[in-house]
Protein backbone atom coordinates (compact mmCIF):
# COMPACT_ATOMS: atom_id res chain seq x y z
CA MET A 1 1.01 -16.29 20.36
CA LEU A 2 1.48 -14.87 16.75
CA GLN A 3 4.63 -16.02 14.63
CA THR A 4 6.82 -13.29 13.53
CA GLU A 5 9.11 -13.02 10.79
CA ILE A 6 12.11 -11.14 10.24
CA SER A 7 12.93 -9.04 7.31
CA SER A 8 16.30 -10.23 6.23
CA ASN A 9 16.53 -7.67 3.77
CA LEU A 10 16.04 -4.80 5.95
CA VAL A 11 17.40 -6.00 9.44
CA GLN A 12 21.08 -4.74 10.42
CA ARG A 13 21.39 -6.42 13.86
CA ASP A 14 24.18 -8.49 15.77
CA ALA A 15 23.44 -12.00 16.39
CA GLY A 16 23.23 -11.26 19.90
CA GLY A 17 19.68 -10.01 20.27
CA PRO A 18 17.70 -7.21 19.83
CA GLY A 19 19.60 -5.07 22.49
CA ASN A 20 22.64 -4.98 20.10
CA ALA A 21 20.72 -3.25 17.27
CA GLY A 22 21.90 0.31 17.82
CA VAL A 23 20.44 3.01 15.63
CA CYS A 24 23.86 4.14 14.12
CA ASP A 25 26.04 1.43 15.46
CA GLU A 26 29.70 1.91 15.25
CA THR A 27 30.45 0.03 11.66
CA GLN A 28 27.09 1.92 10.29
CA TRP A 29 28.80 5.40 11.04
CA ARG A 30 32.56 4.71 9.63
CA GLY A 31 31.10 3.07 6.83
CA ARG A 32 27.92 4.14 5.83
CA LYS A 33 25.38 6.36 7.68
CA TRP A 34 25.64 10.24 8.17
CA PRO A 35 24.88 11.87 11.57
CA ILE A 36 21.44 13.02 10.05
CA GLN A 37 17.70 11.79 9.97
CA TYR A 38 15.72 12.12 7.02
CA ASP A 39 13.08 13.94 9.35
CA SER A 40 15.70 16.62 9.85
CA VAL A 41 16.32 17.65 6.17
CA GLU A 42 13.80 19.98 6.03
CA LEU A 43 15.49 21.86 8.99
CA PHE A 44 18.74 21.70 7.83
CA ALA A 45 17.49 22.88 4.30
CA ILE A 46 16.13 26.32 6.44
CA ALA A 47 19.09 26.59 8.21
CA ALA A 48 21.44 26.89 4.88
CA ASP A 49 19.04 29.15 3.52
CA VAL A 50 19.39 31.66 6.81
CA ALA A 51 23.00 31.39 6.87
CA ILE A 52 23.43 31.65 2.71
CA ILE A 53 21.15 35.04 3.22
CA ALA A 54 22.99 36.33 6.52
CA GLY A 55 26.69 35.68 4.78
CA SER A 56 25.45 37.20 1.43
CA SER A 57 24.13 40.23 3.16
CA VAL A 58 27.46 40.67 5.50
CA LEU A 59 29.63 40.24 3.08
CA SER A 60 27.85 42.67 0.49
CA GLY A 61 27.89 45.46 3.43
CA PHE A 62 31.51 44.40 3.84
CA PHE A 63 32.87 44.71 0.38
CA TYR A 64 30.76 48.00 -0.59
CA ASN A 65 30.52 49.83 3.27
CA LEU A 66 33.07 48.55 5.45
CA LEU A 67 36.20 50.60 4.44
CA ILE A 68 33.85 53.80 3.86
CA SER A 69 32.45 54.36 7.06
CA SER A 70 31.43 52.53 10.55
CA SER A 71 31.90 48.89 10.74
CA ALA A 72 29.57 48.27 13.45
CA GLU A 73 26.72 50.40 11.92
CA TYR A 74 26.93 48.62 8.48
CA PHE A 75 27.52 45.31 10.31
CA SER A 76 24.23 45.67 12.21
CA ARG A 77 22.27 47.01 9.22
CA SER A 78 23.83 44.16 7.33
CA ILE A 79 22.43 41.67 10.03
CA GLY A 80 19.04 43.62 9.85
CA SER A 81 18.68 43.00 6.64
CA ALA A 82 19.38 39.53 6.52
CA ILE A 83 17.09 38.95 9.47
CA VAL A 84 14.04 40.75 7.55
CA VAL A 85 15.18 38.70 3.80
CA SER A 86 15.35 35.55 5.74
CA ALA A 87 11.97 35.80 7.44
CA LEU A 88 10.27 36.72 4.22
CA PHE A 89 12.13 34.19 1.80
CA VAL A 90 11.80 31.32 4.06
CA SER A 91 8.09 31.78 5.18
CA LEU A 92 7.22 31.90 1.51
CA MET A 93 9.27 29.08 0.75
CA LYS A 94 7.72 26.76 3.87
CA MET A 95 4.32 28.16 2.80
CA ARG A 96 4.73 26.43 -0.58
CA GLY A 97 6.08 23.36 1.02
CA MET A 98 9.46 23.79 -1.15
CA TYR A 99 11.72 22.50 2.14
CA SER A 100 10.24 19.14 2.23
CA PRO A 101 12.43 16.42 1.09
CA THR A 102 9.99 15.48 -1.93
CA GLU A 103 10.18 18.80 -2.92
CA LEU A 104 14.36 19.28 -2.68
CA LEU A 105 14.65 16.26 -4.72
CA ALA A 106 12.74 18.33 -7.61
CA VAL A 107 15.60 20.28 -8.35
CA ALA A 108 14.28 22.28 -11.77
CA ARG A 109 11.10 23.24 -10.01
CA GLN A 110 13.39 24.27 -6.72
CA ILE A 111 15.50 26.61 -8.76
CA ARG A 112 12.30 28.21 -10.41
CA TRP A 113 10.39 28.76 -7.20
CA THR A 114 13.53 29.86 -5.75
CA CYS A 115 14.52 32.55 -8.17
CA THR A 116 10.51 33.55 -8.22
CA THR A 117 10.63 33.67 -4.48
CA TRP A 118 13.77 35.79 -4.34
CA ILE A 119 12.37 38.29 -7.08
CA THR A 120 9.12 38.79 -5.18
CA VAL A 121 11.20 39.60 -1.60
CA THR A 122 13.30 42.09 -3.78
CA LEU A 123 10.45 43.82 -5.15
CA ILE A 124 8.41 43.78 -1.90
CA LEU A 125 11.24 45.40 0.17
CA ALA A 126 12.34 47.77 -2.91
CA GLY A 127 8.69 49.12 -2.72
CA ALA A 128 8.73 49.19 0.98
CA VAL A 129 11.99 51.32 1.29
CA PHE A 130 10.66 53.57 -1.60
CA ALA A 131 7.43 54.24 -0.02
CA LEU A 132 9.26 54.84 3.51
CA LYS A 133 11.93 57.14 1.50
CA ILE A 134 14.86 55.58 3.84
CA GLY A 135 17.11 54.96 0.18
CA SER A 136 19.86 56.82 1.30
CA ASP A 137 19.85 54.51 3.96
CA PHE A 138 21.25 51.69 1.88
CA SER A 139 24.23 51.48 -0.53
CA ARG A 140 22.76 50.66 -4.23
CA GLY A 141 25.70 49.26 -5.11
CA ALA A 142 25.62 46.50 -1.71
CA SER A 143 21.96 45.82 -2.23
CA ILE A 144 22.89 44.60 -5.68
CA PHE A 145 25.78 42.68 -4.97
CA PHE A 146 23.42 41.12 -2.13
CA VAL A 147 20.51 40.57 -4.67
CA THR A 148 23.03 39.21 -6.94
CA THR A 149 25.32 36.54 -4.53
CA GLY A 150 22.37 35.44 -2.10
CA LEU A 151 20.27 34.30 -5.53
CA LEU A 152 23.38 32.78 -6.80
CA CYS A 153 24.29 30.89 -3.63
CA LEU A 154 20.71 29.91 -3.20
CA VAL A 155 20.41 28.41 -6.57
CA GLY A 156 23.77 26.41 -5.86
CA HIS A 157 22.51 25.37 -2.46
CA ARG A 158 19.94 23.67 -4.44
CA LYS A 159 21.86 21.69 -6.80
CA VAL A 160 24.11 20.70 -3.72
CA THR A 161 21.31 19.58 -1.56
CA HIS A 162 19.67 17.55 -4.71
CA SER A 163 23.01 15.59 -5.19
CA LEU A 164 23.39 15.26 -1.61
CA LEU A 165 19.88 14.17 -0.71
CA SER A 166 19.57 11.69 -3.95
CA ARG A 167 22.98 10.00 -2.84
CA GLY A 168 21.42 9.81 0.43
CA LEU A 169 18.32 7.70 -0.38
CA THR A 170 20.03 5.84 -3.51
CA GLU A 171 22.87 4.58 -0.94
CA LYS A 172 20.77 4.59 2.41
CA ARG A 173 22.98 6.90 4.24
CA PHE A 174 20.47 8.69 6.77
CA CYS A 175 20.53 7.40 10.31
CA GLY A 176 16.77 6.59 11.66
CA ARG A 177 15.24 4.73 14.22
CA ASN A 178 14.74 1.12 15.00
CA ILE A 179 11.23 0.15 14.35
CA VAL A 180 8.79 -2.58 14.32
CA LEU A 181 6.95 -2.83 11.43
CA ILE A 182 3.16 -4.68 11.35
CA THR A 183 2.01 -4.91 7.68
CA ASP A 184 -0.50 -6.28 5.54
CA ASP A 185 0.06 -9.42 3.42
CA VAL A 186 0.00 -6.66 0.04
CA SER A 187 3.07 -7.87 -1.47
CA GLN A 188 3.84 -5.11 -3.76
CA ASP A 189 3.00 -2.11 -1.60
CA GLU A 190 4.53 -3.56 1.37
CA ALA A 191 8.07 -3.98 -0.91
CA ILE A 192 7.52 -0.15 -1.94
CA LEU A 193 6.95 0.42 2.01
CA ALA A 194 10.10 -1.65 3.06
CA GLN A 195 11.90 0.19 0.29
CA ALA A 196 10.95 3.97 1.57
CA LEU A 197 12.11 2.91 5.51
CA ALA A 198 15.37 1.48 4.04
CA GLU A 199 16.10 4.75 2.15
CA THR A 200 15.23 6.75 4.74
CA GLY A 201 17.71 5.08 7.23
CA SER A 202 14.97 3.11 9.14
CA GLN A 203 16.29 -0.02 10.91
CA VAL A 204 13.08 -2.56 10.63
CA THR A 205 13.77 -5.18 13.67
CA THR A 206 10.97 -7.29 13.16
CA ARG A 207 7.92 -7.45 10.69
CA PHE A 208 4.89 -8.60 12.47
CA SER A 209 2.11 -9.77 9.52
CA LEU A 210 -1.60 -8.67 10.19
CA ASP A 211 -2.62 -12.22 8.96
CA ALA A 212 0.47 -14.64 10.27
CA ILE A 213 -2.24 -17.31 11.20
CA SER A 214 -3.46 -18.59 7.77
CA GLY A 215 -7.82 -19.63 7.88
CA ALA A 216 -7.29 -17.96 11.99
CA PRO A 217 -9.92 -14.93 12.44
CA PHE A 218 -8.08 -11.70 12.98
CA SER A 219 -7.53 -10.66 16.54
CA GLY A 220 -6.00 -7.35 17.49
CA HIS A 221 -5.42 -8.25 21.07
CA ALA A 222 -3.25 -11.53 20.30
CA LEU A 223 -1.28 -9.82 17.72
CA ALA A 224 -0.85 -6.61 20.47
CA ALA A 225 0.33 -8.97 23.36
CA SER A 226 3.25 -10.34 20.85
CA VAL A 227 4.37 -6.98 19.79
CA ILE A 228 4.66 -5.88 23.54
CA ASN A 229 6.09 -8.50 24.52
CA PHE A 230 8.87 -8.30 21.93
CA VAL A 231 9.45 -4.72 22.17
CA ARG A 232 9.77 -4.62 25.99
CA GLY A 233 13.36 -4.72 26.97
CA SER A 234 14.41 -4.02 23.21
CA ASP A 235 15.89 -0.78 21.72
CA VAL A 236 12.85 -0.37 19.54
CA GLU A 237 11.62 3.18 19.38
CA GLU A 238 9.06 2.92 17.01
CA ILE A 239 5.82 0.97 15.98
CA LEU A 240 4.65 1.42 12.12
CA ILE A 241 1.43 0.20 10.84
CA GLY A 242 1.03 -0.02 7.27
CA ALA A 243 -2.13 -1.67 6.24
CA ARG A 244 -5.14 -0.69 3.78
CA PRO A 245 -7.30 2.19 5.32
CA GLU A 246 -10.77 -0.13 4.81
CA ARG A 247 -9.11 -2.62 7.76
CA TRP A 248 -9.00 0.12 10.47
CA SER A 249 -12.16 -1.50 12.00
CA ASP A 250 -9.75 -4.83 12.47
CA LEU A 251 -7.06 -2.46 14.17
CA ARG A 252 -8.84 -0.23 16.59
CA ASP A 253 -8.06 -3.15 19.49
CA LEU A 254 -4.37 -3.73 18.06
CA VAL A 255 -3.96 0.41 18.45
CA ALA A 256 -5.73 0.51 21.73
CA ASP A 257 -3.54 -2.12 23.22
CA LEU A 258 -0.16 -0.53 21.93
CA ARG A 259 -1.39 2.44 23.98
CA VAL A 260 1.04 0.93 26.99
CA LEU A 261 4.02 1.20 25.22
CA PRO A 262 5.87 4.55 25.66
CA PHE A 263 6.57 4.73 21.91
CA PRO A 264 4.85 6.51 18.78
CA VAL A 265 2.62 4.70 17.06
CA ASN A 266 2.32 5.59 13.37
CA PHE A 267 -0.02 4.42 10.39
CA ILE A 268 0.94 4.32 6.88
CA PRO A 269 -2.07 3.64 4.45
CA ILE A 270 -1.30 1.45 1.72
CA GLY A 271 -3.30 -0.01 -1.35
CA THR A 272 -5.66 1.51 -3.91
CA THR A 273 -7.52 3.98 -1.25
CA ALA A 274 -4.10 5.30 -0.01
CA ASP A 275 -4.51 8.03 -2.37
CA LEU A 276 -7.03 9.56 -0.47
CA PHE A 277 -4.65 10.56 2.26
CA ARG A 278 -2.84 12.89 -0.11
CA ARG A 279 -5.99 15.09 -0.80
CA PRO A 280 -6.14 18.28 1.02
CA ARG A 281 -8.51 18.31 3.85
CA ARG A 282 -10.64 20.48 6.12
CA GLU A 283 -13.00 20.48 8.97
CA LEU A 284 -16.51 20.07 8.58
CA GLY A 285 -18.23 20.32 11.89
CA SER A 286 -16.91 17.30 13.62
CA ALA A 287 -16.74 15.66 10.22
CA ILE A 288 -13.47 15.41 8.05
CA CYS A 289 -14.14 16.58 4.49
CA LEU A 290 -11.68 15.68 1.74
CA GLU A 291 -11.22 17.82 -1.73
CA LEU A 292 -11.37 15.43 -4.73
CA GLN A 293 -11.55 18.44 -6.62
CA ARG A 294 -10.75 22.17 -5.72
CA GLY A 295 -13.77 24.57 -6.33
CA LEU A 296 -13.75 28.09 -7.30
CA LEU A 297 -11.45 30.26 -5.69
CA THR A 298 -12.63 32.08 -2.34
CA PRO A 299 -14.15 35.75 -2.69
CA LEU A 300 -10.76 36.51 -0.71
CA GLU A 301 -8.37 34.84 -3.66
CA ARG A 302 -10.45 36.36 -6.62
CA MET A 303 -9.77 39.72 -4.84
CA ALA A 304 -6.17 39.25 -4.35
CA LYS A 305 -5.86 38.17 -8.41
CA ARG A 306 -8.13 40.86 -9.38
CA VAL A 307 -5.62 43.53 -7.66
CA LEU A 308 -2.92 41.78 -9.58
CA ASP A 309 -4.17 42.06 -12.60
CA ILE A 310 -5.48 45.48 -12.30
CA VAL A 311 -2.15 46.91 -11.11
CA ILE A 312 0.26 44.61 -13.47
CA ALA A 313 -1.94 45.27 -16.62
CA GLY A 314 -2.67 48.89 -15.89
CA THR A 315 1.05 49.85 -15.02
CA ALA A 316 1.86 47.94 -18.11
CA LEU A 317 -0.63 49.80 -20.73
CA ILE A 318 0.81 52.96 -19.20
CA SER A 319 4.13 52.05 -19.98
CA LEU A 320 3.62 50.27 -23.17
CA LEU A 321 1.66 53.22 -24.69
CA PRO A 322 4.04 54.32 -26.97
CA LEU A 323 4.82 50.95 -28.28
CA LEU A 324 1.41 50.49 -28.69
CA ALA A 325 0.93 53.31 -31.13
CA ILE A 326 3.69 52.69 -32.85
CA VAL A 327 2.50 49.18 -33.72
CA ALA A 328 -0.98 50.23 -34.63
CA ILE A 329 0.18 52.91 -37.18
CA ALA A 330 3.15 50.12 -38.80
CA ILE A 331 -0.19 47.81 -39.13
CA LYS A 332 -2.11 50.46 -41.08
CA VAL A 333 0.94 50.97 -43.12
CA ASP A 334 1.75 47.71 -43.86
CA SER A 335 -1.65 46.14 -45.18
CA PRO A 336 -5.45 47.40 -45.32
CA GLY A 337 -8.03 46.31 -42.83
CA PRO A 338 -8.38 47.51 -39.22
CA VAL A 339 -5.90 47.40 -36.25
CA LEU A 340 -6.88 45.38 -34.02
CA PHE A 341 -8.66 42.07 -34.30
CA ARG A 342 -11.62 40.65 -32.41
CA GLN A 343 -12.80 37.41 -32.04
CA ARG A 344 -15.67 35.17 -29.88
CA ARG A 345 -13.36 33.26 -27.26
CA CYS A 346 -14.45 31.15 -24.52
CA GLY A 347 -13.88 32.12 -21.24
CA PHE A 348 -15.13 31.66 -17.61
CA ASN A 349 -17.87 29.20 -16.90
CA GLY A 350 -18.27 29.03 -21.07
CA LYS A 351 -19.49 32.77 -21.50
CA SER A 352 -18.30 33.98 -24.54
CA PHE A 353 -16.46 37.14 -24.83
CA GLN A 354 -14.41 39.02 -27.69
CA ILE A 355 -10.87 39.20 -27.50
CA ARG A 356 -8.91 41.80 -28.98
CA LYS A 357 -5.25 41.62 -30.83
CA PHE A 358 -3.32 42.99 -33.04
CA ARG A 359 -4.50 42.21 -36.45
CA THR A 360 -1.96 39.86 -38.15
CA MET A 361 -3.25 38.43 -41.11
CA SER A 362 -4.94 39.52 -44.07
CA VAL A 363 -8.52 37.74 -43.05
CA LEU A 364 -10.76 38.18 -40.15
CA GLU A 365 -12.50 34.85 -39.62
CA ASP A 366 -14.96 34.47 -36.26
CA GLY A 367 -17.83 32.09 -37.37
CA HIS A 368 -18.09 28.35 -37.37
CA LEU A 369 -15.01 27.62 -39.40
CA ILE A 370 -11.99 28.92 -38.38
CA VAL A 371 -8.22 27.68 -39.34
CA GLN A 372 -5.16 27.99 -37.32
CA ALA A 373 -2.05 30.06 -38.18
CA ARG A 374 0.71 27.72 -39.14
CA GLY A 375 4.51 28.30 -40.04
CA GLY A 376 4.45 29.88 -43.49
CA ASP A 377 1.28 30.34 -43.21
CA LYS A 378 0.46 32.58 -46.35
CA ARG A 379 -2.19 34.89 -44.70
CA ILE A 380 0.18 36.11 -41.76
CA THR A 381 1.26 39.82 -43.10
CA ARG A 382 5.05 40.70 -43.17
CA LEU A 383 4.59 42.63 -40.16
CA GLY A 384 2.07 40.04 -38.68
CA VAL A 385 5.02 37.79 -38.71
CA TRP A 386 7.05 39.83 -36.56
CA LEU A 387 4.52 40.58 -34.10
CA ARG A 388 3.31 37.02 -33.67
CA LYS A 389 7.07 35.85 -33.23
CA THR A 390 7.58 38.35 -30.52
CA SER A 391 3.71 38.27 -29.18
CA ILE A 392 3.69 41.61 -29.28
CA ASP A 393 -0.20 41.26 -31.04
CA GLU A 394 -1.40 39.83 -27.65
CA LEU A 395 -0.75 43.02 -25.64
CA PRO A 396 -4.49 44.25 -26.69
CA GLN A 397 -5.38 41.58 -24.17
CA LEU A 398 -4.40 43.60 -21.50
CA PHE A 399 -7.82 45.69 -21.92
CA ASN A 400 -9.43 42.56 -21.50
CA VAL A 401 -7.87 41.84 -18.37
CA LEU A 402 -8.76 45.51 -17.43
CA ASP A 403 -12.74 44.84 -18.09
CA GLY A 404 -12.42 41.62 -16.67
CA SER A 405 -12.98 39.22 -19.11
CA MET A 406 -9.56 37.98 -18.91
CA SER A 407 -6.85 37.40 -16.42
CA LEU A 408 -2.93 37.81 -16.42
CA VAL A 409 -2.57 33.98 -15.64
CA GLY A 410 -4.57 31.20 -16.66
CA PRO A 411 -5.95 28.84 -19.67
CA ARG A 412 -5.54 30.13 -22.85
CA PRO A 413 -8.74 30.86 -24.40
CA HIS A 414 -9.98 29.45 -27.88
CA ALA A 415 -12.29 30.06 -30.58
CA ASP A 416 -15.82 29.34 -29.81
CA ALA A 417 -15.49 27.03 -32.89
CA HIS A 418 -12.30 25.19 -31.78
CA ASP A 419 -13.88 25.22 -28.04
CA ASN A 420 -16.39 22.90 -29.26
CA GLU A 421 -14.77 20.61 -31.14
CA PHE A 422 -11.80 20.48 -28.40
CA ASP A 423 -14.62 19.63 -25.85
CA GLU A 424 -15.10 16.46 -27.70
CA LEU A 425 -11.93 15.36 -28.49
CA VAL A 426 -10.24 15.95 -24.76
CA GLN A 427 -12.03 14.21 -21.93
CA ASN A 428 -12.21 17.32 -18.79
CA TYR A 429 -11.60 19.69 -21.46
CA ALA A 430 -14.54 21.66 -19.96
CA PHE A 431 -12.99 21.84 -16.51
CA ARG A 432 -10.63 24.66 -17.91
CA ARG A 433 -13.57 27.09 -17.70
CA ARG A 434 -13.48 27.07 -14.06
CA MET A 435 -11.24 29.76 -13.95
CA LYS A 436 -10.87 33.17 -15.93
CA PRO A 437 -8.71 32.93 -19.32
CA GLY A 438 -5.50 34.25 -19.05
CA LEU A 439 -3.02 36.21 -21.54
CA THR A 440 -0.34 33.61 -20.29
CA GLY A 441 -0.55 30.32 -18.61
CA TRP A 442 1.30 27.57 -16.87
CA ALA A 443 0.94 25.46 -20.48
CA GLN A 444 2.56 28.47 -22.23
CA VAL A 445 5.40 28.85 -20.09
CA HIS A 446 6.10 24.93 -21.05
CA GLY A 447 6.42 25.72 -24.59
CA CYS A 448 2.62 25.10 -25.66
CA ARG A 449 1.99 27.60 -27.82
CA GLY A 450 1.12 28.12 -31.48
CA PRO A 451 -1.37 25.71 -33.29
CA THR A 452 -3.16 22.22 -31.75
CA PRO A 453 -2.96 19.95 -34.97
CA THR A 454 -3.47 16.90 -32.70
CA PRO A 455 -5.40 15.38 -29.99
CA GLU A 456 -2.13 14.92 -28.13
CA SER A 457 -1.03 18.45 -28.17
CA ILE A 458 -4.76 19.54 -26.76
CA GLU A 459 -4.37 17.02 -24.21
CA GLN A 460 -1.04 18.12 -22.93
CA ARG A 461 -2.65 21.73 -22.88
CA VAL A 462 -5.54 20.60 -20.68
CA GLU A 463 -3.05 18.81 -18.50
CA PHE A 464 -1.07 22.00 -17.36
CA ASP A 465 -4.12 24.28 -17.34
CA LEU A 466 -5.65 21.59 -14.75
CA TRP A 467 -2.93 21.18 -12.80
CA TYR A 468 -2.35 24.94 -12.61
CA ILE A 469 -6.14 25.25 -11.40
CA ASP A 470 -5.86 22.99 -9.05
CA ASN A 471 -2.46 24.48 -7.52
CA TRP A 472 -3.54 28.05 -7.92
CA SER A 473 -1.55 30.78 -5.77
CA ILE A 474 -0.94 34.08 -6.19
CA SER A 475 2.84 33.08 -5.62
CA LEU A 476 2.36 30.86 -8.56
CA ASP A 477 0.98 33.73 -10.70
CA LEU A 478 4.17 35.93 -10.15
CA ALA A 479 6.08 32.63 -11.10
CA ILE A 480 4.40 32.19 -14.31
CA LEU A 481 4.51 36.01 -14.93
CA VAL A 482 8.44 36.21 -14.42
CA TRP A 483 9.21 32.99 -16.55
CA THR A 484 6.62 34.22 -19.76
CA PRO A 485 9.42 36.59 -20.62
CA ILE A 486 11.91 33.88 -20.83
CA GLU A 487 9.82 31.84 -22.78
CA LEU A 488 8.89 34.82 -25.37
CA ILE A 489 12.76 35.31 -25.79
CA ARG A 490 12.86 31.22 -26.49
CA ALA A 491 9.98 31.33 -29.03
CA ARG A 492 9.41 28.21 -28.95
CA ASN A 493 6.25 27.04 -31.25
CA ALA A 494 5.54 30.60 -31.99
CA TYR A 495 3.54 31.37 -35.71
């Protein structure tokens, strides 16, 4: 019989034996534990969002409509609106994985995606109401109150959830299952696994080692017999196997024998190869294919991105036509030279294209040697200082978006001369060319604007750009478009 060892820093049991170790005994309930399991956090977060949206909708109907007309009519309308908004909001957030405990801990990202998703749902429903011509059925005041109150409460919910979740993990407040842990003798990874189990409330009743007998050949049947003998008659509810994936051939007999137990048996990969299990995967016939590097967008994804580009760029150009005309006239009056500045830039798959900008400098550099603009640059015209500060000089790139050489969102394009230089300085720089360059991007909303005087500043932008390419989605593009005006107001690093 293989020897088992008790992990004293994890086990919380009475001296009377395994039958006395409950999931949440009376002492734990009174002193430390919460009556909620870590696995239920996502469900509670979703339920809280639905309750917040429903409450905001009902309150808006009450304050703006209840005193004016039939209470039953407006109450039912408020509930109907809450159902539609909840379904859209929760579905979009769920698609982005924003209800997982790990994501709920990232409060800044939570607030950003909550605001973006809420605004997106509002615009979608406003468009539907306009298209169906049913705007008269809804109170404008009630709608504004609902949108504002709902957003504030959803953001507040994120902050409260972050605080409670952090406290629960730090103080080990979550209530969990009694488990048997079977692990490799990989001390560092085992310690991380033990800490994670303790934080999420799991009670490790006993730990079995895969290599308990030094020098003896591994026997899955013998280890399984030891585990089965211990588990029967105890209050164990789950068996976890934490091991290196490359040992799977050794574990088959163990896993097969454990099937006689009426408990879940789960495998947690540890070690250097465990990172493979975090990769996106898909079925390739009867085989499983792991994504090591995201490929090009699918035809459907490219079409969706292109439609977004055309609709927003076209609408923006029509709306901003008077401003574009005024700026063009002001440039001609301010300094001699053309209104537009054209320069060769590196685009998708390394293909060169001509970018359009309002001229802000007294020179028109477009060759093998181009000097980047810096703060206080004497080449910048009087009007150009203001145009560059507000990024109005970038607006003619909307024409690049319409002709397909650029997208609204993507890695910012660099001049051909700089692109070749950066390619030699920064590893993986060329990977930015897997997507069309953009008018704005993930790097820009994180303050990466202006000159790139050091290799470190270039590397930082490349990291942001590659993250965007690997995690692209329409909702991410919408989030960046919503966040861009805020970054323009902050005017960080704009010269």
